[in-house]
């Protein structure tokens, strides 16, 4: 189970020495395809970098030790929100697309991760733990000040291990997709982990998927708002899927076939980022043959063809966000 804040904190710490995965989410907003931003493991932690879609012209955007991850572009492509622990606890930070004006947005003292800008750029949704709520929930704050905290989800009525994670705003701003689990079992595995959607004010939350396999990191809308991409499958066998925004017509793009042994030898594909022009999908591939530490950023056509890596062998990357121009 990779969701609750205690496990996620441990995963961040372990990332210095291992290849444990953590994924940001970011809504896809229409435009021309700009750069891809994502976290990369280095000797002092994880830093946000950006590259062209062909993998060239890599630039570091954050510096210093610790973790700078969970990259998410603003709708105009000028700003990147991210999660970082430079102040001691995980808070939401922001940096200009060129690396300037790196600053802390929230000062909540809780656990704020996986930011996502609203289409008007005025608000940031994120997941994590705030106040006395023991469960991971989805919150919204003012994008400029980090204030006006509002909780959108609630695990009331579900099991003690319930969580709501990975918010992604629809391009028209009316809905937010996320991952919900009813509970966790004795081994820490999520129970009935599905893709859900709610109105942007938190009302009318309901499941879009229902298959028994876990639906995990992370949902992302196509820039026209008609489809949602997500990861699905048991840990060690996750693949990328897409479906209509109402949950119908699920189609598998990558990963193990249903007839393959589970887990199969394919590793995990997860953490999608739809390109602003709607024609490409970026994602992570966590599969390390011969023990070589390697978690590349991959890019493919939106129909699943043309899969190729854009990061160098040996790069341990976190999930990308795609810049709209």
Protein backbone atom coordinates (compact mmCIF):
# COMPACT_ATOMS: atom_id res chain seq x y z
CA UNK A 1 0.00 0.00 0.00
CA UNK A 2 1.56 3.30 -1.10
CA UNK A 3 -0.90 6.00 -0.09
CA UNK A 4 -1.20 6.89 3.57
CA UNK A 5 1.06 9.68 4.76
CA UNK A 6 3.26 7.48 6.98
CA UNK A 7 4.01 5.17 4.09
CA UNK A 8 4.52 8.04 1.65
CA UNK A 9 6.91 9.79 4.03
CA UNK A 10 8.91 6.58 4.28
CA UNK A 11 8.86 6.25 0.50
CA UNK A 12 10.30 9.74 0.08
CA UNK A 13 13.05 8.97 2.57
CA UNK A 14 13.79 5.62 0.95
CA UNK A 15 14.04 7.24 -2.47
CA UNK A 16 17.49 8.46 -1.56
CA UNK A 17 18.69 4.85 -1.49
CA UNK A 18 16.09 2.87 -3.40
CA UNK A 19 13.68 3.19 -6.29
CA UNK A 20 10.39 3.39 -4.40
CA UNK A 21 7.87 5.34 -6.50
CA UNK A 22 5.78 8.37 -5.70
CA UNK A 23 3.64 10.13 -8.20
CA UNK A 24 2.35 13.60 -8.70
CA UNK A 25 -0.79 14.40 -10.62
CA UNK A 26 -1.50 17.29 -12.94
CA UNK A 27 -4.48 18.21 -15.07
CA UNK A 28 -3.82 18.55 -18.79
CA UNK A 29 -4.73 21.97 -20.14
CA UNK A 30 -5.07 22.72 -23.87
CA UNK A 31 -2.30 24.36 -25.85
CA UNK A 32 0.86 23.61 -27.75
CA UNK A 33 3.16 21.04 -26.19
CA UNK A 34 5.80 22.67 -24.02
CA UNK A 35 8.40 21.13 -21.75
CA UNK A 36 8.03 18.21 -19.36
CA UNK A 37 8.81 18.80 -15.68
CA UNK A 38 9.43 16.05 -13.13
CA UNK A 39 11.45 15.17 -10.06
CA UNK A 40 14.82 13.43 -10.46
CA UNK A 41 16.77 11.68 -7.75
CA UNK A 42 20.23 13.09 -7.13
CA UNK A 43 22.92 12.75 -4.44
CA UNK A 44 21.17 15.21 -2.10
CA UNK A 45 17.54 14.22 -2.66
CA UNK A 46 15.09 14.97 -5.45
CA UNK A 47 15.04 18.12 -7.60
CA UNK A 48 12.56 19.41 -10.17
CA UNK A 49 13.95 19.47 -13.71
CA UNK A 50 12.43 20.21 -17.10
CA UNK A 51 13.23 18.92 -20.59
CA UNK A 52 11.93 19.28 -24.10
CA UNK A 53 9.55 16.48 -25.18
CA UNK A 54 12.47 14.84 -27.02
CA UNK A 55 14.46 14.64 -23.78
CA UNK A 56 16.95 17.34 -24.74
CA UNK A 57 17.84 20.62 -23.05
CA UNK A 58 17.47 19.44 -19.46
CA UNK A 59 17.44 22.23 -16.86
CA UNK A 60 17.31 22.00 -13.07
CA UNK A 61 14.60 24.26 -11.63
CA UNK A 62 15.08 23.70 -7.90
CA UNK A 63 18.22 23.29 -5.80
CA UNK A 64 19.23 22.32 -2.30
CA UNK A 65 18.85 19.11 -0.36
CA UNK A 66 15.57 17.39 0.43
CA UNK A 67 12.65 16.54 -1.80
CA UNK A 68 11.20 18.71 -4.53
CA UNK A 69 8.63 16.57 -6.32
CA UNK A 70 4.99 16.42 -7.48
CA UNK A 71 5.43 18.91 -10.35
CA UNK A 72 2.26 20.49 -11.82
CA UNK A 73 2.16 23.31 -14.39
CA UNK A 74 -0.23 26.22 -14.14
CA UNK A 75 -2.74 26.55 -17.01
CA UNK A 76 -0.64 29.29 -18.65
CA UNK A 77 2.53 27.22 -18.34
CA UNK A 78 4.37 29.98 -16.50
CA UNK A 79 4.50 28.42 -13.03
CA UNK A 80 5.14 24.97 -11.58
CA UNK A 81 3.60 23.98 -8.26
CA UNK A 82 5.34 21.18 -6.41
CA UNK A 83 5.60 19.54 -3.00
CA UNK A 84 8.71 20.02 -0.89
CA UNK A 85 9.99 19.48 2.61
CA UNK A 86 12.50 22.34 2.91
CA UNK A 87 10.49 23.89 5.76
CA UNK A 88 10.38 20.63 7.71
CA UNK A 89 6.95 19.31 6.72
CA UNK A 90 5.68 18.71 3.22
CA UNK A 91 4.10 21.90 1.90
CA UNK A 92 3.10 23.20 -1.52
CA UNK A 93 5.75 25.35 -3.21
CA UNK A 94 5.89 27.12 -6.58
CA UNK A 95 8.64 28.11 -9.00
CA UNK A 96 8.68 29.94 -12.31
CA UNK A 97 9.08 27.84 -15.45
CA UNK A 98 12.71 29.05 -15.70
CA UNK A 99 13.54 28.25 -12.08
CA UNK A 100 13.10 31.76 -10.71
CA UNK A 101 10.99 32.91 -7.77
CA UNK A 102 11.06 29.60 -5.91
CA UNK A 103 8.80 30.11 -2.89
CA UNK A 104 6.62 28.34 -0.34
CA UNK A 105 2.87 28.65 -0.98
CA UNK A 106 1.27 26.85 1.98
CA UNK A 107 2.25 27.07 5.64
CA UNK A 108 -0.12 24.45 7.03
CA UNK A 109 2.27 22.30 9.04
CA UNK A 110 0.47 19.14 7.98
CA UNK A 111 1.19 17.00 4.96
CA UNK A 112 0.50 18.66 1.59
CA UNK A 113 1.43 16.82 -1.62
CA UNK A 114 0.29 16.25 -5.23
CA UNK A 115 -0.78 19.83 -6.13
CA UNK A 116 -2.90 20.64 -9.17
CA UNK A 117 -3.88 24.09 -10.48
CA UNK A 118 -7.48 24.96 -11.25
CA UNK A 119 -8.09 26.03 -14.88
CA UNK A 120 -8.34 29.70 -13.89
CA UNK A 121 -5.06 29.43 -11.98
CA UNK A 122 -6.63 30.82 -8.81
CA UNK A 123 -6.68 27.67 -6.69
CA UNK A 124 -4.53 24.63 -6.03
CA UNK A 125 -5.98 21.26 -5.08
CA UNK A 126 -3.75 18.84 -3.20
CA UNK A 127 -3.96 15.68 -1.13
CA UNK A 128 -2.55 14.78 2.25
CA UNK A 129 -3.36 15.23 5.91
CA UNK A 130 -4.33 18.42 7.71
CA UNK A 131 -5.62 19.06 11.21
CA UNK A 132 -7.14 16.19 13.17
CA UNK A 133 -8.28 14.12 10.18
CA UNK A 134 -6.29 10.85 10.30
CA UNK A 135 -6.97 10.05 6.62
CA UNK A 136 -5.52 11.42 3.42
CA UNK A 137 -8.08 13.83 1.95
CA UNK A 138 -8.27 16.34 -0.89
CA UNK A 139 -8.07 20.05 -0.09
CA UNK A 140 -8.08 23.34 -1.98
CA UNK A 141 -6.17 26.54 -1.19
CA UNK A 142 -5.69 29.95 -2.77
CA UNK A 143 -2.88 29.60 -5.32
CA UNK A 144 -1.33 32.97 -4.52
CA UNK A 145 -1.48 33.00 -0.73
CA UNK A 146 -1.84 29.35 0.28
CA UNK A 147 -4.76 30.40 2.47
CA UNK A 148 -8.51 29.74 2.48
CA UNK A 149 -8.04 26.02 3.12
CA UNK A 150 -11.11 23.99 2.16
CA UNK A 151 -11.56 20.24 2.56
CA UNK A 152 -13.37 18.61 -0.37
CA UNK A 153 -13.47 14.91 0.56
CA UNK A 154 -14.26 12.91 3.67
CA UNK A 155 -13.56 9.34 4.72
CA UNK A 156 -16.44 9.45 7.20
CA UNK A 157 -18.44 6.25 6.88
CA UNK A 158 -15.54 4.30 5.36
CA UNK A 159 -12.88 2.16 7.04
CA UNK A 160 -10.03 3.48 9.16
CA UNK A 161 -7.63 3.03 6.24
CA UNK A 162 -9.71 5.02 3.75
CA UNK A 163 -7.89 7.58 1.60
CA UNK A 164 -8.62 10.14 -1.12
CA UNK A 165 -5.53 11.06 -3.16
CA UNK A 166 -4.17 12.44 -6.46
CA UNK A 167 -6.60 15.24 -7.42
CA UNK A 168 -6.74 16.31 -11.08
CA UNK A 169 -8.96 19.19 -12.14
CA UNK A 170 -11.01 18.79 -15.33
CA UNK A 171 -10.03 21.30 -18.04
CA UNK A 172 -13.36 23.13 -17.71
CA UNK A 173 -12.98 23.40 -13.93
CA UNK A 174 -16.28 21.71 -13.12
CA UNK A 175 -14.94 18.39 -11.77
CA UNK A 176 -11.97 16.83 -10.00
CA UNK A 177 -10.88 13.25 -10.61
CA UNK A 178 -9.06 11.39 -7.83
CA UNK A 179 -8.26 7.97 -6.39
CA UNK A 180 -10.39 6.67 -3.52
CA UNK A 181 -10.07 3.51 -1.41
CA UNK A 182 -12.70 2.39 1.09
CA UNK A 183 -10.14 0.99 3.53
CA UNK A 184 -6.87 -0.90 3.78
CA UNK A 185 -6.46 -4.54 4.77
CA UNK A 186 -4.23 -6.04 7.47
CA UNK A 187 -1.26 -6.00 5.07
CA UNK A 188 -1.77 -2.34 4.20
CA UNK A 189 -3.22 -3.03 0.76
CA UNK A 190 -6.03 -0.75 -0.44
CA UNK A 191 -9.58 -2.08 -0.42
CA UNK A 192 -11.69 -1.24 -3.49
CA UNK A 193 -9.24 1.35 -4.87
CA UNK A 194 -11.01 3.09 -7.76
CA UNK A 195 -10.99 6.21 -9.91
CA UNK A 196 -13.60 8.62 -8.55
CA UNK A 197 -14.85 12.02 -9.68
CA UNK A 198 -16.60 14.85 -7.87
CA UNK A 199 -17.80 18.34 -8.59
CA UNK A 200 -15.15 20.97 -7.94
CA UNK A 201 -16.92 21.95 -4.71
CA UNK A 202 -16.60 18.38 -3.39
CA UNK A 203 -20.21 17.35 -3.94
CA UNK A 204 -21.55 14.36 -5.90
CA UNK A 205 -18.44 12.21 -5.40
CA UNK A 206 -18.79 8.80 -7.01
CA UNK A 207 -16.79 5.98 -8.56
CA UNK A 208 -16.07 5.82 -12.29
CA UNK A 209 -14.40 2.39 -12.23
CA UNK A 210 -15.46 -0.82 -10.53
CA UNK A 211 -13.06 -3.63 -11.50
CA UNK A 212 -11.50 -5.54 -8.60
CA UNK A 213 -7.89 -4.72 -9.56
CA UNK A 214 -6.37 -1.60 -7.94
CA UNK A 215 -6.70 1.69 -9.80
CA UNK A 216 -3.69 3.73 -8.83
CA UNK A 217 -1.30 6.56 -9.64
CA UNK A 218 -2.75 8.72 -11.20
CA UNK A 219 -5.86 9.95 -13.07
CA UNK A 220 -5.37 12.67 -15.68
CA UNK A 221 -7.84 14.30 -18.07
CA UNK A 222 -7.33 14.69 -21.77
CA UNK A 223 -7.17 18.41 -22.60
CA UNK A 224 -10.62 18.28 -24.25
CA UNK A 225 -12.07 16.80 -21.04
CA UNK A 226 -13.54 13.78 -22.82
CA UNK A 227 -11.25 11.05 -21.50
CA UNK A 228 -9.34 10.13 -18.35
CA UNK A 229 -6.08 8.16 -18.28
CA UNK A 230 -5.06 6.16 -15.22
CA UNK A 231 -2.95 3.24 -14.01
CA UNK A 232 -4.55 -0.12 -13.21
CA UNK A 233 -3.32 -3.50 -12.09
CA UNK A 234 -1.63 -5.23 -9.15
CA UNK A 235 1.66 -3.79 -7.92
CA UNK A 236 4.34 -5.17 -10.26
CA UNK A 237 1.90 -5.37 -13.17
CA UNK A 238 0.41 -1.89 -13.54
CA UNK A 239 -0.44 -0.58 -17.00
CA UNK A 240 -1.85 2.60 -18.50
CA UNK A 241 -5.54 2.69 -19.39
CA UNK A 242 -7.90 5.33 -20.77
CA UNK A 243 -11.68 5.64 -20.50
CA UNK A 244 -14.41 8.10 -21.33
CA UNK A 245 -14.95 10.79 -18.71
CA UNK A 246 -18.14 9.03 -17.57
CA UNK A 247 -16.22 5.81 -16.87
CA UNK A 248 -17.31 3.95 -19.99
CA UNK A 249 -15.20 2.27 -22.67
CA UNK A 250 -12.04 1.38 -20.76
CA UNK A 251 -9.10 0.62 -23.07
CA UNK A 252 -5.69 -0.73 -22.04
CA UNK A 253 -2.68 1.00 -23.64
CA UNK A 254 0.34 -0.56 -21.86
CA UNK A 255 1.19 -3.22 -19.30
CA UNK A 256 0.43 -6.87 -18.76
CA UNK A 257 -2.39 -8.62 -20.56
CA UNK A 258 -5.21 -9.98 -18.42
CA UNK A 259 -4.14 -13.52 -19.34
CA UNK A 260 -0.55 -13.01 -18.11
CA UNK A 261 0.57 -14.34 -14.71
CA UNK A 262 0.22 -11.69 -12.01
CA UNK A 263 2.53 -10.03 -11.31
CA UNK A 264 4.02 -10.45 -14.78
CA UNK A 265 7.50 -9.49 -15.93
CA UNK A 266 6.36 -6.17 -17.34
CA UNK A 267 6.90 -4.03 -14.25
CA UNK A 268 4.76 -0.97 -13.56
CA UNK A 269 3.61 1.80 -15.90
CA UNK A 270 1.91 4.61 -14.00
CA UNK A 271 1.71 8.37 -13.44
CA UNK A 272 0.23 9.68 -16.69
CA UNK A 273 0.47 13.23 -18.03
CA UNK A 274 -1.57 14.00 -21.14
CA UNK A 275 0.05 16.40 -23.62
CA UNK A 276 -1.63 19.79 -24.10
CA UNK A 277 -2.40 19.00 -27.76
CA UNK A 278 -4.04 15.71 -26.75
CA UNK A 279 -1.86 13.59 -29.02
CA UNK A 280 0.69 12.19 -26.54
CA UNK A 281 0.78 10.70 -23.05
CA UNK A 282 3.86 10.74 -20.81
CA UNK A 283 4.26 8.29 -17.92
CA UNK A 284 6.77 6.45 -15.75
CA UNK A 285 8.04 2.94 -16.39
CA UNK A 286 9.33 1.24 -13.24
CA UNK A 287 11.00 -1.90 -14.50
CA UNK A 288 14.65 -2.63 -13.77
CA UNK A 289 16.16 -5.55 -15.70
CA UNK A 290 19.46 -6.92 -14.40
CA UNK A 291 19.12 -4.82 -11.27
CA UNK A 292 19.98 -1.52 -12.99
CA UNK A 293 18.33 1.38 -11.10
CA UNK A 294 16.22 2.97 -13.79
CA UNK A 295 12.79 4.62 -13.79
CA UNK A 296 12.49 6.52 -17.09
CA UNK A 297 9.95 9.02 -18.29
CA UNK A 298 8.25 7.49 -21.31
CA UNK A 299 6.18 9.14 -24.06
CA UNK A 300 3.70 7.45 -26.38
CA UNK A 301 0.93 8.36 -28.76
CA UNK A 302 -2.46 8.70 -27.07
CA UNK A 303 -3.54 5.37 -28.65
CA UNK A 304 -0.64 3.50 -27.02
CA UNK A 305 1.66 3.28 -30.05
CA UNK A 306 5.15 4.68 -30.40
CA UNK A 307 6.30 4.12 -26.81
CA UNK A 308 9.80 5.50 -26.20
CA UNK A 309 11.88 6.81 -23.34
CA UNK A 310 13.10 10.42 -23.07
CA UNK A 311 15.39 10.20 -20.02
CA UNK A 312 18.86 8.71 -19.86
CA UNK A 313 19.43 5.18 -18.59
CA UNK A 314 19.93 5.24 -14.84
CA UNK A 315 17.60 8.18 -14.25
CA UNK A 316 15.23 7.72 -11.31
CA UNK A 317 12.36 10.02 -12.21
CA UNK A 318 9.07 10.94 -10.62
CA UNK A 319 5.91 11.44 -12.63
CA UNK A 320 6.00 14.21 -15.25
CA UNK A 321 3.77 17.20 -15.85
CA UNK A 322 3.37 18.65 -19.35
CA UNK A 323 3.60 22.38 -19.95
CA UNK A 324 0.85 24.04 -22.01
CA UNK A 325 1.93 26.88 -24.29
